[in-house]
N, C-alpha and C. Protein backbone atom coordinates (compact mmCIF):
# COMPACT_ATOMS: atom_id res chain seq x y z
N MET A 1 -221.50 -71.09 -21.59
CA MET A 1 -221.67 -69.51 -22.54
C MET A 1 -222.77 -69.83 -23.44
N ASP A 2 -223.10 -70.66 -24.37
CA ASP A 2 -223.85 -70.78 -24.97
C ASP A 2 -225.37 -70.36 -24.98
N LEU A 3 -225.49 -70.60 -23.54
CA LEU A 3 -226.87 -69.92 -23.13
C LEU A 3 -226.79 -68.56 -22.85
N VAL A 4 -225.60 -67.78 -22.65
CA VAL A 4 -225.81 -66.67 -22.30
C VAL A 4 -225.91 -65.75 -23.82
N SER A 5 -226.86 -64.76 -23.69
CA SER A 5 -227.50 -64.26 -24.73
C SER A 5 -226.46 -63.07 -25.13
N GLY A 6 -226.62 -62.12 -26.34
CA GLY A 6 -225.64 -61.05 -26.45
C GLY A 6 -224.20 -61.25 -27.29
N GLY A 7 -223.49 -60.36 -27.68
CA GLY A 7 -221.81 -60.60 -28.44
C GLY A 7 -221.15 -61.59 -27.41
N LYS A 8 -219.75 -61.32 -27.85
CA LYS A 8 -218.85 -61.57 -27.20
C LYS A 8 -218.57 -60.58 -25.38
N GLN A 9 -218.75 -59.28 -26.04
CA GLN A 9 -218.59 -58.41 -24.41
C GLN A 9 -219.89 -58.82 -23.72
N GLU A 10 -220.97 -59.18 -23.77
CA GLU A 10 -221.94 -59.50 -22.65
C GLU A 10 -221.51 -60.94 -22.11
N LYS A 11 -221.19 -62.03 -22.86
CA LYS A 11 -220.35 -63.15 -22.47
C LYS A 11 -219.58 -62.73 -21.67
N GLU A 12 -218.65 -62.07 -22.03
CA GLU A 12 -217.52 -61.77 -21.12
C GLU A 12 -217.60 -61.46 -20.12
N GLU A 13 -218.53 -60.82 -20.02
CA GLU A 13 -219.33 -59.60 -18.39
C GLU A 13 -220.02 -60.86 -17.53
N ALA A 14 -220.80 -61.78 -18.11
CA ALA A 14 -221.61 -62.55 -17.66
C ALA A 14 -220.83 -63.57 -16.90
N TYR A 15 -219.48 -63.75 -17.60
CA TYR A 15 -218.55 -64.90 -17.48
C TYR A 15 -217.89 -64.38 -15.87
N LYS A 16 -217.70 -63.12 -15.85
CA LYS A 16 -216.85 -62.43 -14.75
C LYS A 16 -217.67 -62.43 -13.50
N ARG A 17 -219.02 -61.68 -13.74
CA ARG A 17 -220.08 -61.68 -12.87
C ARG A 17 -220.08 -63.37 -12.17
N LYS A 18 -220.26 -64.23 -13.10
CA LYS A 18 -220.84 -65.78 -12.09
C LYS A 18 -219.21 -66.55 -11.85
N VAL A 19 -218.11 -65.98 -11.98
CA VAL A 19 -216.39 -66.39 -11.68
C VAL A 19 -216.62 -65.59 -10.41
N ARG A 20 -217.36 -64.22 -10.12
CA ARG A 20 -217.29 -63.55 -8.82
C ARG A 20 -218.06 -64.02 -7.73
N GLU A 21 -219.55 -64.39 -8.27
CA GLU A 21 -220.40 -64.99 -7.33
C GLU A 21 -219.83 -66.17 -6.81
N LEU A 22 -219.15 -67.27 -7.92
CA LEU A 22 -218.68 -68.45 -7.37
C LEU A 22 -217.46 -68.40 -6.42
N GLU A 23 -216.59 -67.42 -6.67
CA GLU A 23 -215.90 -67.00 -5.74
C GLU A 23 -216.28 -66.66 -3.90
N THR A 24 -217.00 -65.93 -4.12
CA THR A 24 -218.38 -65.40 -2.77
C THR A 24 -218.62 -66.69 -2.28
N ARG A 25 -219.05 -67.55 -2.84
CA ARG A 25 -219.98 -68.52 -2.47
C ARG A 25 -218.85 -69.39 -1.75
N ALA A 26 -217.59 -69.57 -2.18
CA ALA A 26 -216.64 -70.40 -2.16
C ALA A 26 -215.70 -70.30 -1.23
N LYS A 27 -215.31 -68.95 -0.77
CA LYS A 27 -214.66 -68.93 0.18
C LYS A 27 -214.71 -69.19 1.42
N PRO A 28 -216.09 -69.18 1.83
CA PRO A 28 -216.09 -69.68 3.45
C PRO A 28 -215.82 -71.01 3.65
N ILE A 29 -215.52 -71.59 2.16
CA ILE A 29 -214.93 -73.14 2.32
C ILE A 29 -213.65 -73.71 2.25
N MET A 30 -213.01 -72.49 1.22
CA MET A 30 -212.24 -72.69 0.29
C MET A 30 -211.18 -71.80 1.13
N GLY A 31 -211.14 -70.78 1.93
CA GLY A 31 -210.40 -69.79 2.14
C GLY A 31 -209.89 -69.27 1.21
N ASP A 32 -208.20 -68.97 1.19
CA ASP A 32 -207.32 -68.02 0.41
C ASP A 32 -207.36 -69.28 -0.94
N THR A 33 -207.73 -70.41 -1.07
CA THR A 33 -207.69 -71.84 -2.29
C THR A 33 -208.28 -70.66 -3.45
N SER A 34 -207.34 -70.72 -4.50
CA SER A 34 -208.04 -69.99 -5.70
C SER A 34 -209.07 -71.21 -5.92
N LEU A 35 -209.88 -70.19 -6.84
CA LEU A 35 -211.10 -71.09 -7.90
C LEU A 35 -210.64 -70.70 -9.57
N ARG A 36 -210.60 -72.07 -10.05
CA ARG A 36 -210.33 -71.89 -11.62
C ARG A 36 -211.70 -72.24 -12.61
N CYS A 37 -212.00 -71.56 -13.16
CA CYS A 37 -213.41 -71.42 -13.64
C CYS A 37 -213.23 -71.44 -14.92
N PHE A 38 -214.12 -72.64 -16.11
CA PHE A 38 -213.76 -72.26 -17.67
C PHE A 38 -215.28 -71.67 -17.89
N GLY A 39 -215.06 -71.08 -19.06
CA GLY A 39 -216.64 -70.38 -19.75
C GLY A 39 -215.59 -70.93 -21.06
N THR A 40 -217.04 -72.05 -21.38
CA THR A 40 -216.86 -73.08 -22.44
C THR A 40 -218.11 -72.93 -23.17
N SER A 41 -217.74 -73.77 -24.58
CA SER A 41 -219.17 -73.86 -25.69
C SER A 41 -218.70 -75.13 -26.65
N ILE A 42 -220.13 -75.31 -26.92
CA ILE A 42 -219.99 -76.72 -27.57
C ILE A 42 -219.60 -76.58 -29.16
N TRP A 43 -219.48 -75.16 -29.53
CA TRP A 43 -218.90 -74.71 -30.84
C TRP A 43 -217.35 -74.26 -30.91
N ASP A 44 -216.69 -74.34 -29.66
CA ASP A 44 -215.35 -74.24 -30.48
C ASP A 44 -214.74 -75.36 -29.59
N GLN A 45 -213.18 -74.89 -29.25
CA GLN A 45 -212.20 -75.87 -28.18
C GLN A 45 -212.41 -75.66 -27.15
N SER A 46 -213.14 -74.99 -26.37
CA SER A 46 -212.80 -74.73 -25.25
C SER A 46 -213.22 -75.48 -24.15
N LEU A 47 -214.27 -76.19 -24.65
CA LEU A 47 -214.65 -77.32 -24.11
C LEU A 47 -213.46 -78.25 -23.53
N TYR A 48 -213.14 -79.02 -24.80
CA TYR A 48 -211.77 -79.78 -24.56
C TYR A 48 -210.71 -79.14 -23.64
N ARG A 49 -210.08 -77.92 -24.03
CA ARG A 49 -209.23 -77.62 -23.43
C ARG A 49 -209.79 -77.71 -22.02
N ALA A 50 -210.62 -76.77 -21.67
CA ALA A 50 -211.36 -77.00 -20.42
C ALA A 50 -211.44 -78.73 -19.54
N TRP A 51 -211.74 -79.77 -20.16
CA TRP A 51 -211.58 -80.91 -19.82
C TRP A 51 -209.86 -81.15 -19.53
N SER A 52 -209.52 -81.19 -20.41
CA SER A 52 -207.78 -81.39 -20.22
C SER A 52 -207.40 -80.76 -19.19
N ARG A 53 -207.59 -79.63 -18.83
CA ARG A 53 -207.28 -78.79 -17.41
C ARG A 53 -207.80 -79.58 -16.39
N ILE A 54 -209.01 -80.02 -16.08
CA ILE A 54 -209.04 -80.76 -15.02
C ILE A 54 -208.67 -82.45 -14.81
N VAL A 55 -208.47 -82.95 -16.08
CA VAL A 55 -207.54 -84.09 -15.87
C VAL A 55 -206.50 -84.10 -15.64
N HIS A 56 -205.54 -82.86 -15.95
CA HIS A 56 -204.15 -82.87 -15.49
C HIS A 56 -204.28 -82.84 -14.30
N THR A 57 -205.17 -82.01 -13.30
CA THR A 57 -205.27 -81.05 -11.87
C THR A 57 -205.23 -82.76 -11.29
N LEU A 58 -206.44 -83.35 -11.94
CA LEU A 58 -206.61 -84.86 -11.19
C LEU A 58 -205.17 -85.50 -11.16
N ILE A 59 -204.12 -85.47 -11.60
CA ILE A 59 -202.96 -85.92 -11.61
C ILE A 59 -201.69 -85.90 -10.77
N PRO A 60 -201.77 -86.71 -9.42
CA PRO A 60 -201.13 -86.42 -8.23
C PRO A 60 -199.69 -85.83 -8.82
N ASN A 61 -198.93 -86.51 -9.64
CA ASN A 61 -197.70 -86.30 -9.82
C ASN A 61 -197.77 -85.64 -11.30
N ALA A 62 -198.40 -84.82 -11.30
CA ALA A 62 -198.11 -84.29 -12.77
C ALA A 62 -197.27 -83.78 -13.35
N ASN A 63 -196.31 -82.96 -12.42
CA ASN A 63 -195.09 -81.99 -13.02
C ASN A 63 -193.90 -82.84 -13.31
N LEU A 64 -193.70 -84.13 -12.20
CA LEU A 64 -192.93 -84.87 -12.21
C LEU A 64 -193.47 -85.30 -13.77
N LEU A 65 -194.15 -85.84 -13.72
CA LEU A 65 -194.54 -86.63 -15.38
C LEU A 65 -194.46 -85.60 -16.61
N ALA A 66 -194.62 -84.26 -16.52
CA ALA A 66 -194.27 -83.34 -17.34
C ALA A 66 -192.54 -83.42 -17.57
N ARG A 67 -191.37 -83.47 -16.56
CA ARG A 67 -190.58 -83.46 -16.48
C ARG A 67 -190.06 -84.30 -17.30
N HIS A 68 -190.38 -85.68 -16.69
CA HIS A 68 -190.25 -86.78 -17.64
C HIS A 68 -190.00 -86.93 -18.90
N LEU A 69 -191.17 -86.11 -19.07
CA LEU A 69 -192.14 -86.11 -20.66
C LEU A 69 -190.81 -85.29 -21.25
N SER A 70 -190.50 -84.43 -20.46
CA SER A 70 -189.44 -83.35 -21.37
C SER A 70 -188.08 -83.93 -21.37
N MET A 71 -187.62 -84.59 -20.97
CA MET A 71 -186.42 -85.42 -20.77
C MET A 71 -186.22 -86.50 -21.79
N PHE A 72 -187.62 -87.12 -22.28
CA PHE A 72 -187.76 -87.85 -23.26
C PHE A 72 -188.07 -87.19 -24.47
N CYS A 73 -188.53 -86.12 -24.96
CA CYS A 73 -188.11 -85.11 -26.20
C CYS A 73 -187.32 -84.46 -26.50
N THR A 74 -186.31 -84.49 -25.18
CA THR A 74 -184.49 -84.24 -26.01
C THR A 74 -184.45 -85.23 -25.69
N ILE A 75 -184.22 -86.25 -25.47
CA ILE A 75 -183.98 -87.89 -25.77
C ILE A 75 -184.22 -88.20 -27.38
N CYS A 76 -185.46 -87.70 -27.74
CA CYS A 76 -185.98 -88.30 -28.91
C CYS A 76 -185.20 -86.84 -30.09
N ASP A 77 -185.06 -85.92 -29.54
CA ASP A 77 -184.83 -84.78 -30.45
C ASP A 77 -185.87 -84.38 -31.40
N ALA A 78 -187.22 -84.00 -30.47
CA ALA A 78 -188.60 -83.98 -30.95
C ALA A 78 -188.59 -82.63 -30.86
N THR A 79 -189.59 -81.93 -31.82
CA THR A 79 -190.15 -81.08 -31.69
C THR A 79 -191.25 -80.96 -30.74
N GLU A 80 -191.77 -81.73 -30.53
CA GLU A 80 -193.34 -81.93 -29.67
C GLU A 80 -193.40 -83.21 -29.01
N VAL A 81 -193.94 -83.23 -28.09
CA VAL A 81 -194.42 -84.47 -27.44
C VAL A 81 -195.37 -84.40 -26.57
N VAL A 82 -196.57 -85.26 -27.02
CA VAL A 82 -198.07 -85.06 -26.39
C VAL A 82 -198.56 -86.46 -25.69
N LEU A 83 -198.44 -86.70 -24.31
CA LEU A 83 -199.40 -87.40 -23.74
C LEU A 83 -200.91 -87.29 -23.45
N PHE A 84 -201.61 -88.38 -24.21
CA PHE A 84 -202.81 -87.99 -23.94
C PHE A 84 -203.80 -89.06 -23.60
N GLU A 85 -204.54 -89.21 -22.93
CA GLU A 85 -205.23 -90.16 -21.89
C GLU A 85 -206.36 -91.17 -22.83
N ARG A 86 -206.23 -92.68 -23.18
CA ARG A 86 -206.37 -93.30 -23.88
C ARG A 86 -207.85 -93.78 -24.52
N THR A 87 -208.85 -93.13 -23.33
CA THR A 87 -210.08 -93.81 -23.78
C THR A 87 -210.24 -92.09 -24.57
N THR A 88 -210.24 -91.06 -24.09
CA THR A 88 -210.87 -89.45 -24.20
C THR A 88 -209.85 -88.48 -25.44
N PHE A 89 -208.53 -89.17 -25.38
CA PHE A 89 -207.62 -88.76 -25.87
C PHE A 89 -207.46 -86.92 -25.28
N LEU A 90 -207.97 -87.03 -24.03
CA LEU A 90 -207.90 -85.31 -23.55
C LEU A 90 -206.26 -85.44 -22.80
N ILE A 91 -205.23 -83.88 -23.32
CA ILE A 91 -204.28 -83.90 -23.13
C ILE A 91 -203.74 -83.84 -21.21
N ILE A 92 -202.96 -85.08 -20.94
CA ILE A 92 -202.10 -85.31 -20.22
C ILE A 92 -200.83 -84.27 -19.39
N ALA A 93 -200.18 -84.55 -20.46
CA ALA A 93 -199.25 -83.32 -20.21
C ALA A 93 -198.44 -83.28 -21.71
N ARG A 94 -197.60 -82.29 -22.05
CA ARG A 94 -197.00 -82.37 -23.03
C ARG A 94 -195.78 -81.28 -23.19
N SER A 95 -194.73 -81.52 -24.01
CA SER A 95 -193.11 -80.85 -23.79
C SER A 95 -193.18 -80.59 -24.94
N GLY A 96 -191.70 -79.30 -25.55
CA GLY A 96 -191.50 -79.65 -26.57
C GLY A 96 -190.98 -78.11 -26.42
N ARG A 97 -190.49 -77.57 -28.27
CA ARG A 97 -190.19 -76.11 -27.98
C ARG A 97 -190.47 -75.30 -27.51
N SER A 98 -191.93 -75.41 -27.35
CA SER A 98 -193.22 -73.79 -27.35
C SER A 98 -193.43 -74.28 -25.83
N GLY A 99 -192.71 -75.09 -24.82
CA GLY A 99 -192.85 -75.28 -23.26
C GLY A 99 -193.81 -76.40 -23.22
N GLU A 100 -193.84 -76.40 -21.44
CA GLU A 100 -194.34 -77.84 -20.81
C GLU A 100 -195.80 -77.36 -20.43
N PHE A 101 -196.75 -77.91 -20.67
CA PHE A 101 -198.12 -78.18 -19.87
C PHE A 101 -197.90 -78.53 -18.93
N GLY A 102 -198.14 -77.67 -17.74
CA GLY A 102 -198.27 -78.04 -16.40
C GLY A 102 -197.14 -77.93 -15.85
N GLU A 103 -196.10 -77.07 -16.64
CA GLU A 103 -194.44 -76.54 -15.72
C GLU A 103 -194.97 -75.17 -16.10
N GLN A 104 -194.88 -74.19 -14.57
CA GLN A 104 -194.43 -73.11 -14.67
C GLN A 104 -193.86 -72.08 -16.14
N GLY A 105 -194.72 -71.26 -16.39
CA GLY A 105 -194.01 -70.50 -17.79
C GLY A 105 -194.28 -71.40 -19.28
N GLY A 106 -194.66 -72.32 -19.39
CA GLY A 106 -195.31 -72.87 -20.42
C GLY A 106 -196.41 -73.30 -20.52
N ASP A 107 -197.72 -72.77 -19.92
CA ASP A 107 -199.01 -73.38 -20.23
C ASP A 107 -199.33 -73.06 -21.09
N ILE A 108 -200.28 -74.16 -21.98
CA ILE A 108 -201.21 -73.91 -22.72
C ILE A 108 -202.80 -73.07 -22.73
N SER A 109 -202.46 -71.89 -23.07
CA SER A 109 -203.17 -70.92 -23.03
C SER A 109 -204.80 -71.01 -22.66
N ASP A 110 -205.63 -70.91 -22.37
CA ASP A 110 -207.01 -71.50 -22.25
C ASP A 110 -207.83 -70.67 -23.06
N SER A 111 -207.56 -69.51 -23.90
CA SER A 111 -208.05 -68.97 -24.49
C SER A 111 -207.46 -69.42 -26.47
N GLY A 112 -206.40 -70.44 -25.99
CA GLY A 112 -206.12 -71.33 -27.42
C GLY A 112 -205.38 -70.52 -28.26
N ASP A 113 -204.14 -69.15 -27.30
CA ASP A 113 -203.32 -68.43 -28.11
C ASP A 113 -201.74 -69.02 -28.50
N ASP A 114 -201.76 -70.44 -28.61
CA ASP A 114 -200.47 -71.07 -28.93
C ASP A 114 -200.20 -70.52 -30.13
N PRO A 115 -198.80 -70.37 -30.57
CA PRO A 115 -197.79 -69.80 -31.13
C PRO A 115 -198.32 -70.63 -32.58
N ILE A 116 -197.93 -72.03 -32.50
CA ILE A 116 -197.90 -72.87 -33.24
C ILE A 116 -199.58 -72.82 -34.20
N ASN A 117 -200.54 -73.76 -33.52
CA ASN A 117 -201.95 -73.98 -34.06
C ASN A 117 -202.58 -74.04 -32.62
N PRO A 118 -202.95 -73.12 -32.31
CA PRO A 118 -203.96 -73.47 -31.04
C PRO A 118 -205.15 -74.63 -31.18
N GLU A 119 -205.13 -75.16 -31.76
CA GLU A 119 -206.15 -76.11 -31.85
C GLU A 119 -205.75 -77.70 -32.63
N ARG A 120 -204.28 -77.65 -32.81
CA ARG A 120 -203.90 -78.97 -33.11
C ARG A 120 -204.28 -80.12 -32.04
N PHE A 121 -204.36 -80.13 -30.95
CA PHE A 121 -204.35 -80.94 -29.84
C PHE A 121 -205.98 -81.39 -30.16
N GLU A 122 -206.70 -80.73 -30.29
CA GLU A 122 -208.44 -80.93 -30.44
C GLU A 122 -208.59 -81.46 -31.54
N LYS A 123 -208.02 -81.13 -32.50
CA LYS A 123 -208.05 -81.54 -34.04
C LYS A 123 -207.80 -83.12 -34.14
N ILE A 124 -206.21 -83.48 -33.42
CA ILE A 124 -205.90 -84.72 -33.19
C ILE A 124 -206.69 -85.73 -32.68
N SER A 125 -207.06 -85.26 -31.36
CA SER A 125 -208.24 -86.03 -30.71
C SER A 125 -209.63 -86.33 -31.25
N GLU A 126 -210.01 -85.54 -32.34
CA GLU A 126 -211.37 -85.91 -32.96
C GLU A 126 -211.10 -86.20 -33.92
N LEU A 127 -209.93 -86.66 -34.58
CA LEU A 127 -209.62 -87.39 -35.67
C LEU A 127 -209.21 -88.86 -35.53
N ILE A 128 -208.45 -89.05 -34.34
CA ILE A 128 -208.65 -90.48 -33.64
C ILE A 128 -209.73 -90.91 -32.89
N LYS A 129 -210.67 -90.36 -32.37
CA LYS A 129 -212.42 -90.84 -32.06
C LYS A 129 -212.95 -91.06 -33.66
N ALA A 130 -212.58 -90.45 -34.32
CA ALA A 130 -213.51 -90.68 -35.45
C ALA A 130 -213.02 -91.91 -36.24
N PHE A 131 -211.56 -91.82 -36.49
CA PHE A 131 -211.25 -93.24 -36.73
C PHE A 131 -211.54 -94.22 -35.88
N LYS A 132 -211.62 -94.32 -34.77
CA LYS A 132 -211.95 -95.19 -33.62
C LYS A 132 -213.16 -95.78 -33.72
N LEU A 133 -214.11 -94.71 -34.08
CA LEU A 133 -215.39 -94.99 -34.40
C LEU A 133 -215.75 -96.15 -35.67
N SER A 134 -214.95 -95.52 -36.87
CA SER A 134 -215.09 -95.81 -37.92
C SER A 134 -214.46 -98.01 -38.06
N LYS A 135 -214.21 -98.24 -37.28
CA LYS A 135 -213.44 -99.40 -36.93
C LYS A 135 -213.73 -99.95 -35.78
N ILE A 136 -215.06 -99.40 -35.54
CA ILE A 136 -216.01 -100.07 -34.83
C ILE A 136 -215.01 -100.33 -33.11
N GLN A 137 -214.57 -98.78 -32.68
CA GLN A 137 -214.27 -98.60 -31.85
C GLN A 137 -212.92 -99.52 -31.23
N GLU A 138 -212.34 -99.83 -32.18
CA GLU A 138 -211.22 -101.02 -31.91
C GLU A 138 -210.12 -100.34 -31.79
N GLN A 139 -209.26 -100.54 -30.64
CA GLN A 139 -208.27 -99.83 -30.31
C GLN A 139 -206.65 -100.57 -30.91
N PHE A 140 -206.15 -99.36 -31.32
CA PHE A 140 -205.31 -99.68 -32.61
C PHE A 140 -204.00 -99.22 -31.30
N GLN A 141 -202.98 -100.38 -32.05
CA GLN A 141 -201.64 -99.83 -31.18
C GLN A 141 -200.79 -98.67 -31.45
N SER A 142 -200.46 -98.23 -32.83
CA SER A 142 -199.70 -97.03 -33.01
C SER A 142 -200.05 -97.05 -34.54
N LEU A 143 -199.56 -95.40 -34.71
CA LEU A 143 -199.69 -94.68 -36.00
C LEU A 143 -198.57 -93.95 -36.43
N GLU A 144 -198.40 -94.23 -37.45
CA GLU A 144 -197.10 -93.38 -38.41
C GLU A 144 -197.19 -92.59 -39.25
N MET A 145 -196.58 -91.43 -39.34
CA MET A 145 -197.33 -90.55 -40.76
C MET A 145 -195.73 -89.71 -40.68
N ARG A 146 -195.17 -89.84 -41.97
CA ARG A 146 -194.04 -89.04 -42.35
C ARG A 146 -194.66 -88.14 -43.89
N PHE A 147 -194.25 -87.08 -43.26
CA PHE A 147 -194.19 -85.64 -44.67
C PHE A 147 -193.22 -85.34 -44.93
N PRO A 148 -193.03 -84.13 -45.91
CA PRO A 148 -191.60 -83.84 -46.29
C PRO A 148 -191.49 -82.91 -44.95
N GLN A 149 -192.21 -82.21 -44.17
CA GLN A 149 -191.48 -81.15 -42.99
C GLN A 149 -191.67 -81.88 -41.86
N PHE A 150 -192.35 -83.30 -41.53
CA PHE A 150 -192.18 -83.67 -40.19
C PHE A 150 -192.36 -85.11 -40.23
N ALA A 151 -191.72 -85.95 -38.96
CA ALA A 151 -192.08 -87.26 -39.14
C ALA A 151 -193.77 -87.20 -37.68
N CYS A 152 -194.61 -88.10 -37.51
CA CYS A 152 -195.11 -88.06 -36.46
C CYS A 152 -195.53 -89.71 -36.04
N LEU A 153 -195.51 -90.01 -34.57
CA LEU A 153 -195.47 -91.59 -34.02
C LEU A 153 -196.54 -90.77 -33.00
N LEU A 154 -197.95 -91.95 -32.80
CA LEU A 154 -198.86 -92.18 -32.05
C LEU A 154 -198.89 -93.66 -31.66
N ASP A 155 -198.73 -93.65 -30.68
CA ASP A 155 -198.21 -94.98 -29.71
C ASP A 155 -198.47 -94.95 -28.51
N VAL A 156 -199.04 -96.51 -27.74
CA VAL A 156 -199.02 -96.69 -26.78
C VAL A 156 -197.94 -96.47 -25.79
N LEU A 157 -198.05 -95.89 -24.62
CA LEU A 157 -196.99 -95.41 -23.76
C LEU A 157 -197.42 -96.29 -22.45
N THR A 158 -198.66 -95.95 -22.44
CA THR A 158 -198.92 -97.09 -21.09
C THR A 158 -200.18 -97.92 -21.12
N PRO A 159 -200.69 -98.59 -20.55
CA PRO A 159 -202.14 -98.93 -20.31
C PRO A 159 -203.16 -98.15 -20.49
N ASN A 160 -202.83 -97.09 -20.15
CA ASN A 160 -204.17 -95.70 -20.04
C ASN A 160 -203.40 -94.29 -20.55
N THR A 161 -202.61 -94.64 -21.49
CA THR A 161 -202.00 -93.42 -22.12
C THR A 161 -201.46 -93.98 -23.64
N TYR A 162 -201.50 -92.49 -24.48
CA TYR A 162 -201.01 -93.03 -26.03
C TYR A 162 -200.00 -92.06 -25.74
N VAL A 163 -198.95 -91.81 -26.33
CA VAL A 163 -197.81 -90.53 -26.31
C VAL A 163 -197.92 -90.22 -28.16
N MET A 164 -197.87 -88.78 -28.61
CA MET A 164 -197.15 -88.94 -29.71
C MET A 164 -195.92 -88.00 -29.89
N VAL A 165 -195.29 -88.47 -30.79
CA VAL A 165 -193.95 -87.99 -30.96
C VAL A 165 -193.62 -87.36 -32.06
N ILE A 166 -193.50 -85.80 -32.58
CA ILE A 166 -193.38 -84.99 -33.76
C ILE A 166 -192.21 -84.61 -33.68
N THR A 167 -191.60 -84.99 -34.72
CA THR A 167 -189.82 -84.09 -35.28
C THR A 167 -189.96 -83.77 -36.10
N SER A 168 -189.24 -82.14 -36.67
CA SER A 168 -189.08 -82.16 -37.84
C SER A 168 -187.68 -82.10 -38.22
N HIS A 169 -186.69 -83.21 -37.56
CA HIS A 169 -185.42 -83.62 -37.88
C HIS A 169 -185.28 -84.63 -38.79
N PRO A 170 -184.84 -84.04 -40.34
CA PRO A 170 -185.01 -84.77 -41.80
C PRO A 170 -184.57 -86.10 -41.42
N ASN A 171 -183.59 -86.77 -40.62
CA ASN A 171 -183.13 -87.64 -40.19
C ASN A 171 -183.61 -89.01 -39.36
N ILE A 172 -184.66 -88.64 -39.05
CA ILE A 172 -184.94 -89.16 -37.84
C ILE A 172 -186.38 -89.98 -38.01
N GLN A 173 -186.18 -91.15 -38.04
CA GLN A 173 -187.05 -91.98 -38.82
C GLN A 173 -188.38 -92.57 -37.98
N PRO A 174 -189.19 -92.60 -37.82
CA PRO A 174 -190.42 -92.86 -37.32
C PRO A 174 -190.38 -94.35 -36.49
N ALA A 175 -189.43 -95.38 -37.44
CA ALA A 175 -188.83 -96.37 -36.39
C ALA A 175 -188.26 -96.31 -35.25
N LEU A 176 -187.51 -94.79 -35.37
CA LEU A 176 -186.61 -94.67 -34.22
C LEU A 176 -187.66 -94.08 -33.11
N LEU A 177 -188.50 -93.49 -33.23
CA LEU A 177 -189.00 -93.34 -32.59
C LEU A 177 -190.01 -94.28 -31.86
N LYS A 178 -190.41 -94.82 -32.19
CA LYS A 178 -190.79 -95.94 -32.00
C LYS A 178 -190.40 -97.16 -30.79
N LEU A 179 -188.71 -97.17 -31.39
CA LEU A 179 -187.81 -97.62 -30.44
C LEU A 179 -187.76 -96.64 -28.86
N ASN A 180 -187.54 -95.67 -29.47
CA ASN A 180 -187.83 -94.71 -27.79
C ASN A 180 -188.88 -94.78 -26.81
N VAL A 181 -189.82 -95.01 -27.75
CA VAL A 181 -191.24 -94.99 -27.10
C VAL A 181 -191.22 -96.19 -25.97
N ARG A 182 -190.87 -97.59 -26.57
CA ARG A 182 -190.79 -99.15 -26.13
C ARG A 182 -189.61 -98.51 -25.03
N LEU A 183 -188.43 -98.05 -25.18
CA LEU A 183 -187.80 -98.27 -24.01
C LEU A 183 -188.06 -97.22 -23.16
N ALA A 184 -189.05 -96.27 -23.08
CA ALA A 184 -189.43 -95.46 -22.07
C ALA A 184 -190.40 -95.97 -21.30
N ARG A 185 -191.15 -97.02 -21.64
CA ARG A 185 -192.56 -97.75 -21.40
C ARG A 185 -192.67 -98.03 -19.98
N ASN A 186 -191.12 -98.79 -19.26
CA ASN A 186 -191.03 -99.32 -17.90
C ASN A 186 -191.24 -97.64 -17.33
N LYS A 187 -190.61 -96.87 -17.43
CA LYS A 187 -190.44 -95.88 -16.64
C LYS A 187 -191.49 -94.86 -16.60
N PHE A 188 -192.40 -94.91 -17.35
CA PHE A 188 -193.61 -94.31 -17.12
C PHE A 188 -194.52 -95.11 -16.61
N ASN A 189 -194.56 -96.38 -16.73
CA ASN A 189 -195.18 -96.88 -15.96
C ASN A 189 -195.24 -96.99 -14.73
N GLU A 190 -194.00 -96.94 -13.99
CA GLU A 190 -193.46 -96.39 -12.85
C GLU A 190 -194.14 -95.31 -12.27
N LEU A 191 -193.87 -94.33 -12.83
CA LEU A 191 -194.87 -93.06 -12.79
C LEU A 191 -196.48 -93.02 -12.70
N GLN A 192 -197.04 -94.02 -13.49
CA GLN A 192 -198.45 -94.01 -13.32
C GLN A 192 -198.98 -95.22 -12.01
N ALA A 193 -197.64 -95.84 -11.61
CA ALA A 193 -198.09 -97.21 -10.66
C ALA A 193 -197.54 -95.95 -9.10
N GLY A 194 -197.27 -94.85 -9.54
CA GLY A 194 -197.08 -94.34 -7.89
C GLY A 194 -195.73 -94.28 -7.78
N ARG A 195 -194.48 -94.94 -8.71
CA ARG A 195 -192.88 -95.37 -8.16
C ARG A 195 -192.72 -93.96 -9.38
N PHE A 196 -191.94 -93.45 -8.09
CA PHE A 196 -191.11 -91.91 -8.83
C PHE A 196 -189.73 -92.30 -9.17
N PRO A 197 -189.59 -92.59 -10.53
CA PRO A 197 -187.66 -92.63 -10.82
C PRO A 197 -187.14 -91.72 -10.80
N SER A 198 -186.04 -91.74 -10.60
CA SER A 198 -185.12 -89.94 -10.31
C SER A 198 -185.00 -89.53 -11.91
N ILE A 199 -184.60 -88.27 -11.66
CA ILE A 199 -184.00 -88.06 -13.24
C ILE A 199 -182.84 -87.46 -12.84
N PRO A 200 -182.18 -88.11 -14.26
CA PRO A 200 -180.48 -87.68 -14.27
C PRO A 200 -180.19 -86.26 -13.81
N ALA A 201 -179.39 -85.53 -13.31
CA ALA A 201 -178.95 -84.36 -13.20
C ALA A 201 -178.67 -83.90 -14.68
N SER A 202 -178.87 -82.92 -14.95
CA SER A 202 -178.37 -82.11 -16.31
C SER A 202 -176.86 -81.72 -15.84
N PRO A 203 -176.00 -81.95 -17.11
CA PRO A 203 -174.60 -81.58 -16.69
C PRO A 203 -174.25 -80.02 -16.84
N THR A 204 -173.66 -79.45 -15.97
CA THR A 204 -173.13 -78.12 -16.03
C THR A 204 -171.86 -77.74 -16.75
């Protein structure tokens, strides 16, 4: 979108024209399959969100992964749990009180209008990548933080992912979150390997 001259309205009109053009060209090949387009810029977080969406769609069991992440979030009594790809720190899935990424009804908006802070994941990604560069790209195992309002743990979940667990519960210590991550690793490794562990039925 940076190559389109004009203001916001002109950029939106150019984007819509391009989407219509792509849909017209794709229809003979894709039929009624919907086409997902992203208007991105190097000057904001739209590029990060677009790549996160693309990575998410490439995961064959993404919805099952999101449901397991939701169950893990409940077990930890967490405010939010986010799964990042280990190298790029793109979002694979998330779950929390504001919904699940990839599950119907809980999407992260492409426009970034999340009710908490629409740019928090992008900022976390940039901070972690900057930290790794400052350490000559050394891979760290985990990062624990505790503040008056919340506690946060960033830890390795599988060989290809990091999980970030955030809780606002005053009595939950990062050490307990770390224990829960360690206990959950086998389940998520099974998911990554294509083996699908069952999810216990919710009590009625």
